[in-house]
Structure formats: structure tokens, C-alpha cells
Amino acid sequence: MDRLTSLRVFREVVEAGSFSRAAARLTMSAPMASKHVAQLERDLGARLLHRTSRKLSLTEAGAMYYAQCREALDTLQAAEAALRQSAQAPRGQLKISAPVWCANRHFASVLAAYRNTYPEVLVDMRLENRKIDLVADGYDLALRATRELSPALIARPICPVQFHLVATPAYLKREGSPRRPSDLVRCSAVVPNYVNLDGLEMQGPAGKARIKLNAVMRSDDSTLTYHAMHAGMGMAFLPEWTVDDDLAAGCLARVLPTYTVPPFTLYAVYTNRQYVTPKLRTFIDFFSEALGGGKSLAQQPDR
């Protein structure tokens, strides 16, 4: 008898609790299922199951063998699935959570390029400045910008993202441009919820300086923060993708331009490192290359 089939029959018998139910699941007869298990016991020289007219139970040897058998079959199944997937073109819906500030021209252009390359993938992009539960909320991927990623997460670095403290020229003319970090406390600020008001630092000519922002409004929507800042409510701490065009056009000015904030890293966070679908793998590789010139998913180390 085929040993691999016998292993699958043994596992199914244990999990179904009877030979007849296992046989039905495997589309074979109950006597044939019994023969497979009996052949395993003969080959191993050990009884794997206690059999009575009403109940099946594992022997001590059977329990040990079942644990190893299940692990081996799971590994084989994952390998077969990965091989099948590798031969398939990326297709289907890809549900992604990303920060609200990804709603910008630069990010959209990369999305359009990905769509042109992989037209059978439907990207379902949900923009929200909160940490979602990938499994519970049904997401394939989350994009998160942070400096300290939890080691429990499976993630790939996509690119660094620089944030700038900016304001309109009209606001700075009205309120006066800060000359040093300590001047910021007298200035109004529109602060997104992702900014930690107690832990902000900037690097300047004289070294690191902890800054204090005087928040006049907080919001979980970066787009509202951007428009409130443009309306003159105060300065704002926003990513370069959102403000670079305005800075180049002179619509915005950097506050304390000789000071910089250490960049964050944008990570792709997902749930399973062993079984990555083609649509997920191509999205991560494509954005890593387009935004950060990174290596492919297969070449990068796990975090």
C-alpha cells in the first residue's frame, strides 16, 4: 500500500473519530481505511489505535506518531499549494489598509503602474490612521509607518518616509517664523492623531532637540489636517508625499528648515510568511521597487 495514502488515512481516522467517517471523507470504503491503518501498524511494529465497538482512541505511541504525521502532512500540503500558486498569474481582490496620507499623487501613480502591470488584481485600498487586525478585519496586507515595529509582526520594509513640519507663508508672516525649537510652543498646530505630542524630536545644527507643539485641533484624518493647515489654523507635521508639491510651488514653507525629523519606515505587514499569494507577493515587490528600490520579497529577510 502507498505509505503517503496510509498516513493521510490515519490522520483522517483520528480527526474524524471513526473509520467510516474518515472513509467517507476520503471517498474509499471503511474496510480499505482499516487496512491502511493496519498496514501502518505492521510496518511500525506498534499499535496506534485502541479499537472498541463504540470508540477509537490513540495509544501512547499513536499519539506521538499522529503529532509527527500531522506536521509532515501540513508541510507537504503547504509546499504543494506554494508550487501551484507560483505557476498562477496574480489575480483576485487584494484588500489593503494604509494611512490616510497615502492619498496623494505620488502613491496613486504607483498604484496605476501596478494596475497596468497586473490588470487582473483588484486593489481594495482602505485608508485609515488606525492599527487594524488583519485576520479579524479580513485584510491581506497593512501598510504601516513606524520607527519601532513589533517583532511579532511579519513585515517587509518598503521605503523610508520623511515627515516635515510645515505652515503657509501667510500663517508664518502673521504669527512670526520660529527661530529655534523652543519657539514652537507659542505657535498653533493642527496635529494628526498619529503624532505623539510627548515624544517629538528634531535633529538640528546643535544636535537633538525635543519639541512641544501647541495643538489647537487633532484629527484622525490627515486630509482634514492638510486642509485645516492651508486654511491658516496653524502648522502641521505631514509626510513629504503630501507636501512636496506645495513646498516646490511656494504654497507652503518648512518650519525650522535647518531641523529635520528622523524618517519613518513604511512596512508591508501580513499574516503568513509560508503561503504568500501571487497578488500579495507582486504588490509588495512592486511597491518596494518603485518607492524604495528594494529587493524582491524572496530576497529580503523576515522581521
Protein backbone atom coordinates (compact mmCIF):
# COMPACT_ATOMS: atom_id res chain seq x y z
CA MET A 1 0.00 0.00 0.00
CA ASP A 2 1.08 3.58 -0.64
CA ARG A 3 2.63 4.93 2.58
CA LEU A 4 1.56 8.55 1.94
CA THR A 5 -2.06 7.47 1.46
CA SER A 6 -1.84 5.41 4.65
CA LEU A 7 -0.59 8.45 6.57
CA ARG A 8 -3.48 10.55 5.28
CA VAL A 9 -5.96 7.82 6.18
CA PHE A 10 -4.53 7.51 9.70
CA ARG A 11 -4.78 11.25 10.26
CA GLU A 12 -8.32 11.39 8.94
CA VAL A 13 -9.40 8.45 11.13
CA VAL A 14 -8.02 10.17 14.24
CA GLU A 15 -9.65 13.52 13.41
CA ALA A 16 -12.97 12.03 12.28
CA GLY A 17 -13.17 9.66 15.23
CA SER A 18 -14.21 6.65 13.18
CA PHE A 19 -13.17 4.59 10.16
CA SER A 20 -16.50 5.04 8.41
CA ARG A 21 -16.49 8.86 8.63
CA ALA A 22 -12.84 9.00 7.56
CA ALA A 23 -13.55 6.69 4.63
CA ALA A 24 -16.47 8.85 3.51
CA ARG A 25 -14.27 11.97 3.55
CA LEU A 26 -11.58 10.20 1.54
CA THR A 27 -14.06 8.53 -0.86
CA MET A 28 -12.93 4.98 -0.05
CA SER A 29 -14.54 2.05 1.75
CA ALA A 30 -14.31 1.64 5.52
CA PRO A 31 -12.57 -1.77 5.19
CA MET A 32 -9.93 -0.19 2.94
CA ALA A 33 -9.35 2.60 5.50
CA SER A 34 -8.92 -0.04 8.19
CA LYS A 35 -6.39 -1.92 6.00
CA HIS A 36 -4.28 1.24 5.59
CA VAL A 37 -4.05 1.79 9.34
CA ALA A 38 -3.37 -1.90 9.97
CA GLN A 39 -0.54 -1.81 7.40
CA LEU A 40 0.99 1.20 9.18
CA GLU A 41 0.87 -0.65 12.49
CA ARG A 42 2.56 -3.71 10.95
CA ASP A 43 5.29 -1.60 9.36
CA LEU A 44 5.91 0.32 12.59
CA GLY A 45 5.61 -2.67 14.88
CA ALA A 46 3.35 -0.70 17.23
CA ARG A 47 -0.37 -0.37 17.88
CA LEU A 48 -1.56 3.14 17.02
CA LEU A 49 -5.25 2.91 17.95
CA HIS A 50 -7.36 1.31 20.65
CA ARG A 51 -10.44 -0.06 18.90
CA THR A 52 -13.76 -0.93 20.53
CA SER A 53 -17.19 -1.35 19.01
CA ARG A 54 -18.12 2.20 20.10
CA LYS A 55 -14.94 4.21 20.28
CA LEU A 56 -11.46 4.78 18.86
CA SER A 57 -8.63 6.28 20.89
CA LEU A 58 -4.93 6.81 20.37
CA THR A 59 -2.36 4.70 22.14
CA GLU A 60 0.69 6.44 23.61
CA ALA A 61 2.70 5.51 20.52
CA GLY A 62 -0.21 6.54 18.31
CA ALA A 63 -0.43 10.00 19.89
CA MET A 64 3.27 10.61 19.28
CA TYR A 65 3.08 9.32 15.73
CA TYR A 66 -0.07 11.33 14.98
CA ALA A 67 1.60 14.63 16.01
CA GLN A 68 4.56 13.98 13.70
CA CYS A 69 2.33 12.69 10.93
CA ARG A 70 0.11 15.79 11.02
CA GLU A 71 3.10 18.15 10.91
CA ALA A 72 4.64 16.28 7.96
CA LEU A 73 1.38 16.28 6.00
CA ASP A 74 0.81 20.00 6.70
CA THR A 75 4.31 20.81 5.46
CA LEU A 76 3.76 18.78 2.31
CA GLN A 77 0.39 20.41 1.69
CA ALA A 78 1.89 23.90 2.08
CA ALA A 79 4.67 23.02 -0.36
CA GLU A 80 2.15 21.75 -2.91
CA ALA A 81 0.00 24.86 -2.52
CA ALA A 82 3.02 27.18 -2.89
CA LEU A 83 4.08 25.34 -6.05
CA ARG A 84 0.60 25.64 -7.55
CA GLN A 85 0.39 29.33 -6.68
CA SER A 86 3.79 30.11 -8.18
CA ALA A 87 2.53 28.99 -11.56
CA GLN A 88 -0.55 31.20 -11.42
CA ALA A 89 -0.87 34.79 -12.60
CA PRO A 90 -1.71 37.32 -9.86
CA ARG A 91 -5.47 37.80 -9.79
CA GLY A 92 -8.37 38.50 -7.46
CA GLN A 93 -9.14 41.14 -4.83
CA LEU A 94 -6.32 42.44 -2.61
CA LYS A 95 -7.65 44.20 0.49
CA ILE A 96 -5.13 46.67 1.93
CA SER A 97 -5.15 49.02 4.92
CA ALA A 98 -2.96 52.12 4.54
CA PRO A 99 -2.50 55.50 6.27
CA VAL A 100 -4.78 58.31 5.07
CA TRP A 101 -1.75 60.29 3.89
CA CYS A 102 -1.24 57.69 1.13
CA ALA A 103 -3.98 59.60 -0.71
CA ASN A 104 -1.54 61.62 -2.83
CA ARG A 105 -0.42 61.92 -6.45
CA HIS A 106 2.86 60.05 -5.95
CA PHE A 107 1.29 56.98 -4.33
CA ALA A 108 -1.57 56.97 -6.86
CA SER A 109 0.89 56.93 -9.76
CA VAL A 110 2.50 53.76 -8.38
CA LEU A 111 -0.95 52.19 -7.95
CA ALA A 112 -1.71 52.99 -11.59
CA ALA A 113 1.58 51.44 -12.72
CA TYR A 114 0.84 48.29 -10.68
CA ARG A 115 -2.61 48.09 -12.27
CA ASN A 116 -1.09 48.32 -15.75
CA THR A 117 1.33 45.50 -14.93
CA TYR A 118 -1.16 43.22 -13.14
CA PRO A 119 -4.61 44.04 -14.59
CA GLU A 120 -6.30 41.01 -13.03
CA VAL A 121 -5.71 42.21 -9.45
CA LEU A 122 -8.42 44.42 -7.92
CA VAL A 123 -6.78 46.61 -5.25
CA ASP A 124 -9.27 47.41 -2.48
CA MET A 125 -7.45 50.21 -0.61
CA ARG A 126 -8.87 51.28 2.78
CA LEU A 127 -7.27 54.47 4.14
CA GLU A 128 -7.36 54.81 7.93
CA ASN A 129 -4.95 56.06 10.57
CA ARG A 130 -5.50 53.16 12.95
CA LYS A 131 -3.97 49.76 13.52
CA ILE A 132 -6.32 47.10 12.22
CA ASP A 133 -6.46 43.39 12.99
CA LEU A 134 -5.50 41.80 9.67
CA VAL A 135 -7.22 38.47 10.36
CA ALA A 136 -10.33 39.72 12.15
CA ASP A 137 -10.95 42.52 9.64
CA GLY A 138 -10.23 40.36 6.59
CA TYR A 139 -7.19 42.22 5.22
CA ASP A 140 -4.44 40.75 3.07
CA LEU A 141 -1.95 43.49 3.88
CA ALA A 142 -1.42 46.60 6.00
CA LEU A 143 0.98 49.44 5.23
CA ARG A 144 2.34 50.94 8.46
CA ALA A 145 4.83 53.76 9.01
CA THR A 146 6.84 53.40 12.20
CA ARG A 147 10.34 53.50 13.65
CA GLU A 148 9.78 50.57 16.02
CA LEU A 149 7.98 47.60 14.52
CA SER A 150 6.78 44.83 16.82
CA PRO A 151 8.95 41.70 16.39
CA ALA A 152 5.76 39.63 16.48
CA LEU A 153 4.68 41.02 13.09
CA ILE A 154 5.60 39.58 9.70
CA ALA A 155 6.73 42.60 7.72
CA ARG A 156 8.87 43.84 4.84
CA PRO A 157 10.34 47.35 4.66
CA ILE A 158 9.05 49.26 1.63
CA CYS A 159 10.74 52.66 1.87
CA PRO A 160 11.66 55.49 4.25
CA VAL A 161 9.10 58.30 4.60
CA GLN A 162 10.26 61.77 5.67
CA PHE A 163 7.85 64.00 7.59
CA HIS A 164 8.10 67.81 7.57
CA LEU A 165 6.80 70.49 9.91
CA VAL A 166 5.14 72.97 7.53
CA ALA A 167 2.88 76.02 7.50
CA THR A 168 1.51 78.52 4.99
CA PRO A 169 3.62 81.63 4.32
CA ALA A 170 0.63 83.74 5.39
CA TYR A 171 0.49 82.00 8.79
CA LEU A 172 4.22 82.44 9.39
CA LYS A 173 4.01 86.10 8.39
CA ARG A 174 1.10 86.65 10.77
CA GLU A 175 2.47 84.72 13.74
CA GLY A 176 6.20 85.03 13.11
CA SER A 177 8.57 82.27 11.99
CA PRO A 178 10.06 80.23 14.86
CA ARG A 179 13.85 80.55 15.08
CA ARG A 180 14.52 77.66 17.47
CA PRO A 181 12.59 74.56 18.67
CA SER A 182 11.62 76.24 21.95
CA ASP A 183 9.66 78.85 19.94
CA LEU A 184 7.20 76.22 18.71
CA VAL A 185 5.28 76.19 21.98
CA ARG A 186 3.79 79.61 21.18
CA CYS A 187 2.63 78.50 17.69
CA SER A 188 -0.67 76.84 16.87
CA ALA A 189 -0.54 73.36 15.39
CA VAL A 190 -3.04 71.08 13.65
CA VAL A 191 -1.95 67.62 14.77
CA PRO A 192 -2.88 64.24 13.23
CA ASN A 193 -3.55 61.50 15.78
CA TYR A 194 -0.51 59.52 14.63
CA VAL A 195 1.78 62.24 16.05
CA ASN A 196 2.92 61.61 19.62
CA LEU A 197 2.92 65.05 21.22
CA ASP A 198 5.11 63.88 24.09
CA GLY A 199 7.85 62.23 22.08
CA LEU A 200 8.75 64.54 19.18
CA GLU A 201 12.40 65.20 18.46
CA MET A 202 14.18 67.13 15.72
CA GLN A 203 17.81 66.99 14.66
CA GLY A 204 19.44 70.38 14.18
CA PRO A 205 22.81 72.06 13.93
CA ALA A 206 23.31 71.80 17.69
CA GLY A 207 22.09 68.19 17.95
CA LYS A 208 18.77 66.72 19.00
CA ALA A 209 16.03 68.91 20.43
CA ARG A 210 12.72 67.79 21.94
CA ILE A 211 9.87 69.90 20.66
CA LYS A 212 6.48 70.82 22.05
CA LEU A 213 3.52 71.56 19.78
CA ASN A 214 0.57 73.66 20.89
CA ALA A 215 -2.31 71.65 19.41
CA VAL A 216 -5.41 73.65 18.50
CA MET A 217 -7.01 70.70 16.68
CA ARG A 218 -6.43 66.95 16.48
CA SER A 219 -7.83 64.65 13.82
CA ASP A 220 -7.58 61.04 12.67
CA ASP A 221 -7.83 62.25 9.06
CA SER A 222 -4.60 63.52 7.50
CA THR A 223 -6.52 65.11 4.62
CA LEU A 224 -8.51 67.28 7.04
CA THR A 225 -5.27 68.18 8.82
CA TYR A 226 -3.76 69.24 5.49
CA HIS A 227 -6.73 71.47 4.57
CA ALA A 228 -7.00 72.97 8.07
CA MET A 229 -3.31 73.89 7.90
CA HIS A 230 -3.88 75.51 4.48
CA ALA A 231 -6.83 77.42 5.95
CA GLY A 232 -4.42 79.07 8.40
CA MET A 233 -5.25 77.21 11.62
CA GLY A 234 -1.58 76.52 12.29
CA MET A 235 1.42 74.45 11.30
CA ALA A 236 1.24 70.69 10.70
CA PHE A 237 3.52 67.65 10.75
CA LEU A 238 2.87 65.85 7.44
CA PRO A 239 4.66 63.35 5.15
CA GLU A 240 6.73 64.58 2.22
CA TRP A 241 4.44 62.88 -0.31
CA THR A 242 1.62 65.16 0.86
CA VAL A 243 3.50 68.48 0.96
CA ASP A 244 6.41 68.30 -1.51
CA ASP A 245 4.43 69.76 -4.42
CA ASP A 246 3.20 72.63 -2.24
CA LEU A 247 6.71 73.31 -0.96
CA ALA A 248 8.04 73.43 -4.52
CA ALA A 249 5.24 75.80 -5.56
CA GLY A 250 5.77 78.09 -2.55
CA CYS A 251 2.27 77.39 -1.17
CA LEU A 252 3.87 76.02 1.99
CA ALA A 253 7.11 76.65 3.84
CA ARG A 254 9.09 74.40 6.15
CA VAL A 255 9.18 75.48 9.77
CA LEU A 256 12.72 75.46 11.21
CA PRO A 257 14.22 74.35 7.86
CA THR A 258 17.64 73.59 9.40
CA TYR A 259 15.99 70.94 11.62
CA THR A 260 14.79 67.54 10.44
CA VAL A 261 12.66 64.80 11.95
CA PRO A 262 14.13 61.26 11.74
CA PRO A 263 12.30 59.42 8.94
CA PHE A 264 9.82 56.64 9.50
CA THR A 265 9.90 53.36 7.57
CA LEU A 266 6.84 52.24 5.65
CA TYR A 267 6.35 48.49 6.16
CA ALA A 268 4.15 45.93 4.44
CA VAL A 269 2.63 43.82 7.22
CA TYR A 270 0.93 40.49 6.50
CA THR A 271 -0.10 37.32 8.33
CA ASN A 272 1.57 34.26 6.83
CA ARG A 273 5.20 34.02 5.71
CA GLN A 274 4.82 30.45 4.40
CA TYR A 275 1.95 30.97 1.98
CA VAL A 276 2.13 34.30 0.16
CA THR A 277 -0.29 34.57 -2.77
CA PRO A 278 0.95 35.90 -6.13
CA LYS A 279 -1.19 39.05 -5.82
CA LEU A 280 0.30 39.84 -2.40
CA ARG A 281 3.86 38.99 -3.38
CA THR A 282 3.75 41.10 -6.56
CA PHE A 283 2.21 44.09 -4.77
CA ILE A 284 4.92 44.13 -2.08
CA ASP A 285 7.73 43.62 -4.59
CA PHE A 286 6.34 46.25 -6.98
CA PHE A 287 5.92 48.96 -4.35
CA SER A 288 9.25 48.16 -2.71
CA GLU A 289 10.99 48.60 -6.05
CA ALA A 290 9.01 51.69 -7.10
CA LEU A 291 9.25 53.57 -3.79
CA GLY A 292 12.44 52.33 -2.24
CA GLY A 293 14.42 50.48 -4.88
CA GLY A 294 14.16 47.43 -2.64
CA LYS A 295 14.79 43.74 -3.26
CA SER A 296 12.08 41.25 -4.08
CA LEU A 297 10.06 39.58 -1.36
CA ALA A 298 12.01 36.35 -1.79
CA GLN A 299 15.35 38.14 -1.29
CA GLN A 300 14.51 40.20 1.78
CA PRO A 301 14.93 38.87 5.35
CA ASP A 302 11.88 38.39 7.57
CA ARG A 303 11.43 40.68 10.53
